[in-house]
Amino acid sequence: MNTERLEHLITIMQDVTILRKKFDMSSWATSNTNECGTTCCALGWAALDPKCMAEGLILQASWLLDQFESDGPRIIMDVPLTSAEAWDKTEDAMREYAVSFVPTCEGEDGFYAAMKYYDISLGQAEYLFDNIAYRNPDGPTVPQDVIEHIKQVLTDYDPGEDDYDTDY
């Protein structure tokens, strides 16, 4: 387990709260060219953090070219969002294509990227980054909820991957 990176994730979550960044654990990241800002989950915000990006955790945008032509080529554009130019290219694509976002690390994506980057188990990655792990009857998951989960994982808590009804 990479405790330094997990402790930095606490700082990222604190910044999300302080800076009132848009936060939603139900999606890695979403961006709307019609309104200001990007909305991310905990792993999405980490993948946009300069320190995490420099260490290999990156948010990637993908879209299928010619997706509306049934007999057209199926070319997928994958753009690591590591520069202003990459964001500009992605925002242009969003006007024409359905763009999806996913955190990546060393050839892995989603929960597996989290496992690789934080050196944690699949159960721990799900516990930290899967919306299902946050059953908050008082409303949506907030960054403080994620901080509490991080603190538990830092004590070597591992819920195991069978604790969730998910299939990746």
Protein backbone atom coordinates (compact mmCIF):
# COMPACT_ATOMS: atom_id res chain seq x y z
CA MET A 1 0.00 0.00 0.00
CA ASN A 2 1.31 3.41 -0.94
CA THR A 3 0.44 5.41 2.19
CA GLU A 4 1.99 8.63 0.86
CA ARG A 5 -0.33 8.59 -2.15
CA LEU A 6 -3.37 7.76 -0.04
CA GLU A 7 -2.54 10.58 2.37
CA HIS A 8 -2.24 12.91 -0.63
CA LEU A 9 -5.71 11.75 -1.70
CA ILE A 10 -7.00 13.08 1.64
CA THR A 11 -5.49 16.46 0.73
CA ILE A 12 -7.15 16.31 -2.69
CA MET A 13 -10.53 15.59 -1.08
CA GLN A 14 -10.02 18.47 1.36
CA ASP A 15 -9.25 20.75 -1.59
CA VAL A 16 -12.40 19.59 -3.40
CA THR A 17 -14.40 20.72 -0.36
CA ILE A 18 -12.55 23.98 0.24
CA LEU A 19 -12.55 25.01 -3.42
CA ARG A 20 -16.15 23.80 -3.87
CA LYS A 21 -15.26 21.65 -6.82
CA LYS A 22 -18.07 19.61 -8.32
CA PHE A 23 -18.07 16.13 -6.77
CA ASP A 24 -20.09 13.05 -7.73
CA MET A 25 -19.09 9.48 -6.89
CA SER A 26 -21.42 8.01 -9.53
CA SER A 27 -19.06 8.77 -12.45
CA TRP A 28 -15.30 8.99 -12.95
CA ALA A 29 -15.71 12.40 -14.55
CA THR A 30 -18.15 14.41 -16.60
CA SER A 31 -17.67 17.68 -18.38
CA ASN A 32 -20.22 19.90 -20.02
CA THR A 33 -19.13 22.51 -22.52
CA ASN A 34 -22.34 24.44 -21.79
CA GLU A 35 -21.51 25.08 -18.14
CA CYS A 36 -18.41 25.90 -16.21
CA GLY A 37 -16.32 23.14 -14.78
CA THR A 38 -15.79 19.44 -14.57
CA THR A 39 -17.45 17.08 -12.12
CA CYS A 40 -15.41 14.13 -10.82
CA CYS A 41 -15.43 11.40 -8.24
CA ALA A 42 -12.50 10.94 -5.84
CA LEU A 43 -10.38 8.99 -8.35
CA GLY A 44 -11.28 11.40 -11.15
CA TRP A 45 -10.07 14.40 -9.11
CA ALA A 46 -6.90 12.48 -8.19
CA ALA A 47 -6.27 11.78 -11.90
CA LEU A 48 -6.42 15.54 -12.53
CA ASP A 49 -4.05 16.41 -9.68
CA PRO A 50 -0.61 17.53 -10.97
CA LYS A 51 1.33 15.40 -8.45
CA CYS A 52 -0.69 12.27 -9.27
CA MET A 53 -0.41 12.96 -13.00
CA ALA A 54 3.37 13.26 -12.71
CA GLU A 55 3.39 9.86 -10.98
CA GLY A 56 1.30 8.16 -13.69
CA LEU A 57 -2.37 8.49 -12.71
CA ILE A 58 -4.09 10.27 -15.61
CA LEU A 59 -7.66 11.00 -16.64
CA GLN A 60 -8.24 9.84 -20.20
CA ALA A 61 -10.99 10.94 -22.55
CA SER A 62 -12.27 8.55 -25.22
CA TRP A 63 -14.73 8.80 -28.05
CA LEU A 64 -15.72 6.73 -31.04
CA LEU A 65 -15.25 8.44 -34.40
CA ASP A 66 -17.94 7.97 -37.06
CA GLN A 67 -20.19 6.45 -34.42
CA PHE A 68 -23.36 7.37 -36.28
CA GLU A 69 -22.50 5.58 -39.53
CA SER A 70 -23.44 1.91 -39.30
CA ASP A 71 -20.91 0.84 -41.93
CA GLY A 72 -18.23 3.40 -41.07
CA PRO A 73 -14.90 2.69 -39.45
CA ARG A 74 -14.84 2.23 -35.70
CA ILE A 75 -11.91 4.37 -34.63
CA ILE A 76 -11.56 5.15 -30.95
CA MET A 77 -9.75 8.31 -29.93
CA ASP A 78 -8.00 8.07 -26.57
CA VAL A 79 -6.66 11.38 -25.26
CA PRO A 80 -4.76 11.60 -21.96
CA LEU A 81 -5.87 14.86 -20.37
CA THR A 82 -2.41 16.11 -19.48
CA SER A 83 -2.40 19.51 -21.18
CA ALA A 84 -4.59 22.45 -22.12
CA GLU A 85 -4.37 21.30 -25.75
CA ALA A 86 -5.74 17.87 -24.81
CA TRP A 87 -8.65 19.51 -22.99
CA ASP A 88 -9.34 21.76 -25.98
CA LYS A 89 -9.36 18.75 -28.32
CA THR A 90 -11.72 16.92 -25.97
CA GLU A 91 -14.07 19.89 -25.62
CA ASP A 92 -14.21 20.16 -29.41
CA ALA A 93 -15.01 16.44 -29.65
CA MET A 94 -17.77 16.77 -27.05
CA ARG A 95 -19.70 18.97 -29.46
CA GLU A 96 -19.87 16.09 -31.94
CA TYR A 97 -19.28 12.81 -30.08
CA ALA A 98 -20.20 11.07 -26.84
CA VAL A 99 -17.01 11.39 -24.78
CA SER A 100 -16.28 9.17 -21.82
CA PHE A 101 -13.66 9.68 -19.13
CA VAL A 102 -11.71 7.10 -17.14
CA PRO A 103 -8.68 7.25 -14.82
CA THR A 104 -5.70 5.26 -16.14
CA CYS A 105 -2.37 4.11 -14.73
CA GLU A 106 0.28 1.96 -16.39
CA GLY A 107 -2.12 0.44 -18.92
CA GLU A 108 -4.91 -0.18 -16.43
CA ASP A 109 -8.12 1.79 -16.07
CA GLY A 110 -10.86 2.40 -13.53
CA PHE A 111 -10.58 0.36 -10.34
CA TYR A 112 -7.55 -1.45 -11.72
CA ALA A 113 -5.77 1.88 -12.24
CA ALA A 114 -6.52 2.69 -8.58
CA MET A 115 -5.10 -0.70 -7.54
CA LYS A 116 -1.92 -0.05 -9.52
CA TYR A 117 -1.44 3.57 -8.45
CA TYR A 118 -2.23 3.17 -4.75
CA ASP A 119 -0.91 -0.41 -4.47
CA ILE A 120 -4.18 -1.64 -2.96
CA SER A 121 -6.45 -4.64 -3.45
CA LEU A 122 -9.55 -4.66 -5.65
CA GLY A 123 -11.69 -4.71 -2.49
CA GLN A 124 -9.92 -1.61 -1.18
CA ALA A 125 -10.23 0.13 -4.56
CA GLU A 126 -13.97 -0.57 -4.60
CA TYR A 127 -14.28 0.55 -0.99
CA LEU A 128 -12.62 3.86 -1.82
CA PHE A 129 -13.94 4.59 -5.31
CA ASP A 130 -17.19 2.67 -5.92
CA ASN A 131 -20.34 4.66 -5.25
CA ILE A 132 -21.95 1.46 -3.92
CA ALA A 133 -19.52 1.48 -0.97
CA TYR A 134 -21.07 4.72 0.25
CA ARG A 135 -24.54 4.03 1.52
CA ASN A 136 -25.33 7.46 2.91
CA PRO A 137 -29.00 7.76 3.93
CA ASP A 138 -28.54 11.50 4.59
CA GLY A 139 -27.81 12.40 0.97
CA PRO A 140 -25.11 12.12 -1.65
CA THR A 141 -21.57 11.08 -0.87
CA VAL A 142 -19.30 14.01 -0.01
CA PRO A 143 -15.48 14.22 0.07
CA GLN A 144 -15.47 13.81 3.88
CA ASP A 145 -17.07 10.36 3.44
CA VAL A 146 -14.19 9.41 1.14
CA ILE A 147 -11.66 10.74 3.66
CA GLU A 148 -13.16 8.45 6.31
CA HIS A 149 -12.82 5.46 3.96
CA ILE A 150 -9.20 6.40 3.17
CA LYS A 151 -8.40 6.53 6.89
CA GLN A 152 -9.85 3.04 7.31
CA VAL A 153 -7.82 1.66 4.40
CA LEU A 154 -4.69 3.25 5.90
CA THR A 155 -5.24 0.99 8.95
CA ASP A 156 -4.98 -2.00 6.54
CA TYR A 157 -8.75 -2.43 6.34
CA ASP A 158 -9.65 -4.59 3.35
CA PRO A 159 -13.34 -5.37 2.85
CA GLY A 160 -12.56 -7.95 0.17
CA GLU A 161 -13.85 -7.83 -3.36
CA ASP A 162 -16.84 -10.06 -2.63
CA ASP A 163 -18.51 -7.43 -0.41
CA TYR A 164 -20.06 -5.63 -3.37
CA ASP A 165 -22.60 -6.57 -6.01
CA THR A 166 -20.47 -5.32 -8.86
CA ASP A 167 -19.03 -7.05 -11.88
CA TYR A 168 -16.08 -5.47 -13.65
